[in-house]
Protein backbone atom coordinates (compact mmCIF):
# COMPACT_ATOMS: atom_id res chain seq x y z
CA MET A 1 -58.86 -35.55 31.94
CA LYS A 2 -58.79 -37.98 34.87
CA ILE A 3 -57.37 -36.97 38.25
CA GLY A 4 -57.08 -38.92 41.46
CA ARG A 5 -56.76 -37.40 44.94
CA LEU A 6 -53.60 -35.28 45.08
CA ARG A 7 -51.77 -33.21 47.63
CA PRO A 8 -51.13 -29.58 46.57
CA VAL A 9 -47.39 -29.77 47.29
CA MET A 10 -44.63 -32.33 46.96
CA ARG A 11 -41.07 -32.78 48.12
CA ALA A 12 -38.57 -32.41 45.33
CA TRP A 13 -34.90 -31.79 44.68
CA CYS A 14 -34.27 -28.64 42.68
CA PHE A 15 -31.67 -26.05 41.77
CA ARG A 16 -32.16 -22.34 41.20
CA ARG A 17 -28.86 -21.67 39.46
CA TYR A 18 -26.21 -23.70 37.67
CA GLY A 19 -23.38 -25.16 39.71
CA GLY A 20 -22.08 -28.14 41.65
CA PRO A 21 -23.99 -30.35 44.08
CA GLU A 22 -24.13 -27.45 46.54
CA VAL A 23 -26.82 -25.70 44.45
CA LEU A 24 -29.29 -28.54 45.08
CA SER A 25 -31.93 -28.21 47.77
CA PHE A 26 -34.76 -30.45 48.98
CA GLU A 27 -37.87 -28.30 48.98
CA GLU A 28 -41.64 -28.28 48.88
CA LEU A 29 -42.91 -27.36 45.41
CA PRO A 30 -46.39 -27.38 43.88
CA VAL A 31 -47.48 -30.69 42.38
CA PRO A 32 -47.34 -30.08 38.60
CA LEU A 33 -50.56 -29.86 36.61
CA VAL A 34 -51.17 -32.42 33.91
CA ALA A 35 -51.68 -31.14 30.36
CA PRO A 36 -53.05 -32.89 27.26
CA ARG A 37 -51.12 -36.01 26.21
CA GLU A 38 -49.35 -36.14 29.59
CA ILE A 39 -49.48 -38.40 32.64
CA LEU A 40 -48.80 -37.35 36.21
CA VAL A 41 -46.99 -40.13 38.07
CA LYS A 42 -46.68 -40.60 41.81
CA VAL A 43 -43.03 -41.57 41.81
CA ALA A 44 -42.03 -44.81 43.51
CA ALA A 45 -38.50 -44.97 42.07
CA ALA A 46 -36.29 -42.78 39.89
CA SER A 47 -32.79 -43.36 38.59
CA ILE A 48 -29.73 -41.13 38.49
CA ASN A 49 -28.07 -40.63 35.12
CA PRO A 50 -24.88 -38.76 34.14
CA ILE A 51 -26.99 -36.22 32.27
CA ASP A 52 -28.46 -35.03 35.58
CA SER A 53 -25.12 -33.55 36.65
CA LYS A 54 -24.47 -32.06 33.20
CA LEU A 55 -27.81 -30.31 33.25
CA ARG A 56 -27.29 -28.98 36.78
CA GLU A 57 -23.83 -27.67 35.87
CA GLY A 58 -25.17 -25.83 32.81
CA LYS A 59 -23.21 -27.94 30.35
CA LEU A 60 -26.39 -28.48 28.33
CA SER A 61 -27.58 -24.88 28.40
CA TRP A 62 -27.08 -24.74 24.62
CA LEU A 63 -29.71 -27.48 24.33
CA VAL A 64 -31.93 -26.99 27.37
CA SER A 65 -32.84 -23.61 28.85
CA PRO A 66 -34.88 -24.53 31.91
CA GLU A 67 -36.89 -22.19 34.06
CA PHE A 68 -35.73 -22.14 37.66
CA PRO A 69 -36.28 -23.81 40.03
CA ARG A 70 -35.46 -26.91 37.98
CA VAL A 71 -36.10 -30.47 39.21
CA PRO A 72 -33.48 -32.95 37.94
CA GLY A 73 -34.10 -36.53 36.89
CA ARG A 74 -34.83 -38.20 33.55
CA ASP A 75 -36.88 -41.32 34.32
CA CYS A 76 -39.17 -42.77 36.95
CA ALA A 77 -41.58 -45.57 37.72
CA GLY A 78 -44.73 -45.31 39.77
CA THR A 79 -48.51 -44.94 39.68
CA ALA A 80 -50.53 -42.86 37.23
CA VAL A 81 -52.55 -40.40 39.34
CA ALA A 82 -53.69 -37.93 36.68
CA ILE A 83 -54.16 -38.41 32.96
CA GLY A 84 -54.39 -35.57 30.46
CA ALA A 85 -56.82 -35.16 27.61
CA GLY A 86 -56.02 -37.22 24.53
CA VAL A 87 -54.58 -40.15 26.51
CA SER A 88 -56.81 -43.20 26.12
CA ASP A 89 -54.51 -46.18 26.72
CA PHE A 90 -53.72 -45.55 30.39
CA ALA A 91 -55.97 -45.51 33.45
CA LEU A 92 -55.65 -44.10 36.95
CA GLY A 93 -53.74 -46.56 39.09
CA ASP A 94 -51.67 -48.04 36.25
CA LEU A 95 -48.10 -48.88 37.22
CA VAL A 96 -45.88 -47.24 34.62
CA VAL A 97 -42.28 -46.39 33.74
CA GLY A 98 -41.32 -43.47 31.56
CA ILE A 99 -38.94 -40.71 30.53
CA ALA A 100 -39.49 -37.04 31.31
CA ASP A 101 -39.31 -34.27 28.73
CA MET A 102 -35.82 -32.79 28.98
CA GLN A 103 -37.27 -29.29 28.58
CA ARG A 104 -39.48 -29.75 31.66
CA ASN A 105 -38.99 -30.56 35.31
CA GLY A 106 -37.67 -34.03 36.02
CA THR A 107 -38.34 -37.03 38.21
CA HIS A 108 -36.37 -36.58 41.43
CA ALA A 109 -39.54 -35.65 43.25
CA GLU A 110 -42.64 -37.26 44.73
CA PHE A 111 -44.62 -36.52 41.55
CA ALA A 112 -43.48 -36.13 37.93
CA ILE A 113 -45.07 -35.24 34.61
CA LEU A 114 -44.29 -37.62 31.73
CA PRO A 115 -45.29 -37.34 28.06
CA ALA A 116 -47.69 -40.24 27.43
CA ALA A 117 -45.74 -41.16 24.30
CA GLN A 118 -42.71 -41.87 26.51
CA VAL A 119 -44.50 -44.10 29.03
CA ALA A 120 -45.04 -47.87 29.16
CA LYS A 121 -46.95 -50.09 31.57
CA ILE A 122 -45.01 -52.21 34.04
CA PRO A 123 -45.84 -55.95 34.09
CA PRO A 124 -47.19 -57.21 37.46
CA ALA A 125 -44.07 -59.30 38.09
CA MET A 126 -41.72 -56.31 37.73
CA SER A 127 -41.04 -53.86 40.57
CA ALA A 128 -40.75 -50.11 40.13
CA VAL A 129 -37.05 -50.32 41.03
CA GLN A 130 -36.41 -52.97 38.37
CA ALA A 131 -38.36 -51.03 35.77
CA VAL A 132 -36.61 -47.71 36.29
CA ALA A 133 -33.23 -49.46 36.27
CA VAL A 134 -33.85 -50.01 32.55
CA GLY A 135 -35.42 -46.65 31.76
CA VAL A 136 -32.91 -44.31 30.13
CA THR A 137 -30.16 -46.91 30.48
CA GLY A 138 -32.26 -49.65 28.90
CA LEU A 139 -32.97 -47.58 25.81
CA SER A 140 -29.33 -46.48 25.70
CA ALA A 141 -28.17 -50.10 25.52
CA TYR A 142 -31.01 -51.54 23.42
CA ILE A 143 -30.94 -49.13 20.47
CA PRO A 144 -27.15 -49.22 19.81
CA LEU A 145 -27.00 -53.03 19.95
CA MET A 146 -30.41 -54.34 18.91
CA GLU A 147 -31.17 -51.75 16.23
CA ILE A 148 -27.82 -50.41 14.99
CA ALA A 149 -24.93 -52.85 15.51
CA ARG A 150 -27.03 -56.05 15.51
CA PRO A 151 -24.06 -58.40 16.00
CA SER A 152 -24.43 -61.87 14.56
CA PRO A 153 -23.92 -65.02 16.66
CA GLY A 154 -20.22 -65.64 17.14
CA GLN A 155 -19.10 -62.10 16.41
CA ARG A 156 -16.84 -60.41 18.96
CA VAL A 157 -18.28 -57.35 20.72
CA LEU A 158 -16.30 -55.01 22.97
CA VAL A 159 -18.38 -53.11 25.54
CA HIS A 160 -16.65 -50.28 27.36
CA ALA A 161 -17.55 -49.67 31.03
CA GLY A 162 -19.27 -53.03 31.27
CA ALA A 163 -20.12 -52.65 34.97
CA GLY A 164 -21.99 -49.36 34.58
CA GLY A 165 -25.69 -48.74 34.20
CA VAL A 166 -25.67 -48.89 30.39
CA GLY A 167 -22.71 -51.24 30.04
CA SER A 168 -24.14 -53.92 32.34
CA LEU A 169 -27.24 -54.12 30.15
CA ALA A 170 -25.21 -53.96 26.93
CA VAL A 171 -23.12 -56.96 27.98
CA GLN A 172 -26.29 -58.98 28.55
CA ILE A 173 -27.93 -57.88 25.30
CA ALA A 174 -24.84 -58.69 23.24
CA ARG A 175 -24.62 -62.10 24.90
CA HIS A 176 -28.33 -62.67 24.26
CA LEU A 177 -27.66 -62.03 20.56
CA GLY A 178 -25.05 -64.79 20.61
CA ALA A 179 -21.98 -62.57 20.48
CA GLU A 180 -18.69 -63.27 22.21
CA VAL A 181 -18.54 -60.37 24.64
CA VAL A 182 -15.43 -58.55 25.82
CA ALA A 183 -15.89 -55.78 28.40
CA THR A 184 -13.68 -53.25 30.15
CA CYS A 185 -14.13 -52.48 33.84
CA GLY A 186 -12.22 -51.74 37.02
CA THR A 187 -10.45 -54.35 39.13
CA ALA A 188 -13.30 -54.77 41.62
CA ASN A 189 -15.81 -55.52 38.86
CA LEU A 190 -14.03 -58.23 36.88
CA ASP A 191 -16.03 -61.13 38.33
CA TYR A 192 -19.24 -59.11 38.17
CA VAL A 193 -18.83 -58.38 34.46
CA ARG A 194 -18.06 -62.03 33.77
CA SER A 195 -21.25 -62.99 35.63
CA LEU A 196 -23.22 -60.82 33.20
CA GLY A 197 -21.98 -62.88 30.27
CA ALA A 198 -18.62 -61.41 29.27
CA ALA A 199 -16.23 -64.07 28.00
CA LEU A 200 -13.34 -61.72 28.73
CA ALA A 201 -13.20 -58.90 31.29
CA ILE A 202 -10.38 -56.39 30.83
CA ASP A 203 -9.12 -54.44 33.84
CA TYR A 204 -8.60 -51.01 32.31
CA THR A 205 -6.48 -49.90 35.30
CA VAL A 206 -3.67 -52.32 34.40
CA GLU A 207 -4.39 -53.55 30.86
CA ASP A 208 -4.47 -51.84 27.48
CA PHE A 209 -7.76 -52.83 25.87
CA VAL A 210 -6.27 -52.36 22.42
CA ILE A 211 -3.91 -55.25 23.14
CA ALA A 212 -6.19 -57.35 25.34
CA ALA A 213 -9.46 -57.19 23.38
CA GLY A 214 -8.21 -58.85 20.21
CA ARG A 215 -9.92 -58.18 16.89
CA CYS A 216 -13.55 -57.18 17.31
CA ASP A 217 -16.54 -56.87 15.00
CA VAL A 218 -18.35 -54.28 17.13
CA VAL A 219 -17.27 -51.78 19.76
CA PHE A 220 -19.89 -50.10 21.96
CA ASP A 221 -18.42 -46.93 23.47
CA THR A 222 -20.10 -45.25 26.43
CA ILE A 223 -17.01 -43.28 27.50
CA GLY A 224 -15.70 -41.16 24.64
CA GLY A 225 -12.51 -39.12 24.45
CA GLU A 226 -9.31 -41.10 24.12
CA VAL A 227 -11.15 -44.41 24.55
CA HIS A 228 -13.27 -43.52 21.53
CA ARG A 229 -10.26 -42.57 19.42
CA ARG A 230 -8.36 -45.76 20.24
CA SER A 231 -11.34 -48.08 19.85
CA SER A 232 -11.19 -48.02 16.05
CA THR A 233 -7.85 -49.83 16.18
CA VAL A 234 -9.40 -53.06 17.54
CA LEU A 235 -11.99 -53.36 14.78
CA ARG A 236 -11.74 -55.83 11.94
CA PRO A 237 -12.28 -54.47 8.42
CA GLY A 238 -16.01 -53.94 8.02
CA GLY A 239 -16.47 -53.52 11.77
CA MET A 240 -18.59 -50.93 13.55
CA LEU A 241 -17.92 -48.49 16.39
CA VAL A 242 -21.23 -47.33 17.85
CA TYR A 243 -21.15 -44.70 20.56
CA LEU A 244 -23.34 -42.65 22.86
CA THR A 245 -21.00 -39.80 23.69
CA ALA A 246 -17.47 -39.24 22.52
CA ALA A 247 -16.70 -35.51 22.32
CA PRO A 248 -14.49 -34.25 20.87
CA ILE A 249 -14.95 -36.16 17.63
CA ASP A 250 -12.29 -36.13 14.93
CA ALA A 251 -13.55 -34.51 11.74
CA GLU A 252 -12.29 -37.41 9.63
CA PRO A 253 -12.78 -41.11 10.51
CA PRO A 254 -9.44 -42.78 11.33
CA ARG A 255 -10.13 -45.61 8.85
CA ASP A 256 -12.20 -45.98 5.72
CA ASP A 257 -12.90 -49.69 6.20
CA ILE A 258 -15.06 -49.35 9.33
CA ARG A 259 -18.28 -47.58 10.26
CA ILE A 260 -18.55 -45.10 13.14
CA ILE A 261 -22.13 -44.38 14.17
CA HIS A 262 -23.51 -42.07 16.82
CA ALA A 263 -26.51 -43.80 18.38
CA LYS A 264 -29.43 -41.42 18.71
CA ILE A 265 -31.66 -42.61 21.52
CA ARG A 266 -35.44 -42.43 21.00
CA TYR A 267 -37.41 -42.16 24.21
CA THR A 268 -40.57 -43.83 22.96
CA ARG A 269 -43.17 -46.20 24.36
CA GLU A 270 -42.41 -48.68 21.59
CA VAL A 271 -38.76 -49.07 22.56
CA LEU A 272 -39.57 -49.10 26.28
CA GLU A 273 -41.99 -51.95 25.67
CA GLN A 274 -39.33 -53.85 23.72
CA VAL A 275 -36.85 -53.48 26.58
CA ILE A 276 -39.48 -54.58 29.10
CA ALA A 277 -40.27 -57.62 26.95
CA LEU A 278 -36.58 -58.53 26.88
CA ILE A 279 -36.52 -58.43 30.66
CA ALA A 280 -39.76 -60.39 30.98
CA SER A 281 -38.25 -63.11 28.79
CA GLY A 282 -35.35 -63.48 31.20
CA ALA A 283 -32.76 -62.53 28.57
CA VAL A 284 -31.75 -59.41 30.50
CA VAL A 285 -31.76 -58.85 34.26
CA PRO A 286 -31.98 -55.24 35.53
CA GLN A 287 -28.80 -54.33 37.35
CA VAL A 288 -29.72 -52.39 40.46
CA GLY A 289 -26.76 -50.89 42.29
CA ARG A 290 -27.23 -48.66 45.32
CA ILE A 291 -30.70 -47.61 46.47
CA PHE A 292 -31.20 -44.36 48.38
CA PRO A 293 -34.24 -42.65 49.86
CA LEU A 294 -35.25 -39.59 47.85
CA SER A 295 -34.27 -37.39 50.80
CA GLU A 296 -30.66 -38.67 50.54
CA ALA A 297 -30.24 -37.96 46.85
CA GLN A 298 -27.13 -35.85 47.33
CA ALA A 299 -25.20 -38.92 48.51
CA ALA A 300 -26.43 -40.78 45.44
CA TYR A 301 -25.39 -37.92 43.15
CA ALA A 302 -21.90 -38.01 44.67
CA ILE A 303 -21.49 -41.71 43.88
CA SER A 304 -22.79 -41.21 40.36
CA ALA A 305 -20.28 -38.38 39.81
CA THR A 306 -17.36 -40.77 40.36
CA GLY A 307 -18.25 -42.62 37.17
CA HIS A 308 -17.46 -45.95 38.85
CA ALA A 309 -20.84 -47.09 40.15
CA ARG A 310 -21.87 -50.70 39.56
CA GLY A 311 -25.29 -51.02 37.96
CA LYS A 312 -27.95 -48.36 38.37
CA ILE A 313 -28.26 -45.91 41.26
CA ILE A 314 -31.90 -45.64 42.31
CA LEU A 315 -33.86 -43.17 44.44
CA VAL A 316 -37.03 -44.38 46.15
CA THR A 317 -39.65 -42.14 47.74
CA ASP A 318 -39.70 -42.37 51.51
């Protein structure tokens, strides 16, 4: 085990019961102890993801039963300050990005524990903010498009919520693969989505995407619900609807000439490194939205809860 100089306590956001934003408090908690096959990171930047609110509200209690107080946050970037036994490919002082174990405390704190298998090194030219902007969101866009859908050059791909954290990366990845990209977004984000590489931006507040999108080979759904149900109608025979979340799901597929696939996201070093390589090549640019000091996380949570943020909302340690 390797340990640098650490303070005994850290500032962290936490909640001691399920509920709305009011249950969150900014407190001093003990710096967590590193265990075998783990890395303790001094957090420079962490992102806010929709799952943070679901966890706080208890909507994932069937999957995650955390001990209280619970620190939210799924990913972070920063400096390795302690390295557990069995970890040989990282050193103290390495700049890293990684994903926390959902069953453990998260990353909206000054220090966070990450499983070494879910950590990758950050290239010198990449900032912590850029790296964490493609943490959970990068994997959530990369796996559905690069590994599952794999659109061919010239195929038509519809990306829902193209201005969001995942959608803004998905538009770029699909364009990188040579697809003709169609994306839905709000009125204020039409030009922004086009700038990411969408050939057609559909204003979902005034247009019906079923009519406007035309016939598509792939639909990437990050919204679910009614959008998920209606998306199958725009697919050509042999097309694919790949989704991240879409509850409730109909027991029977609406058509037998298309494929509907739930993308299961693997939080692994291998995929993180592939996403980082894509960024380093210039094919994808991290989309950083609003940046808040860690101490002002509640304001950032409120913006995230609207579901209309552009790019990724980032917290940086003050």
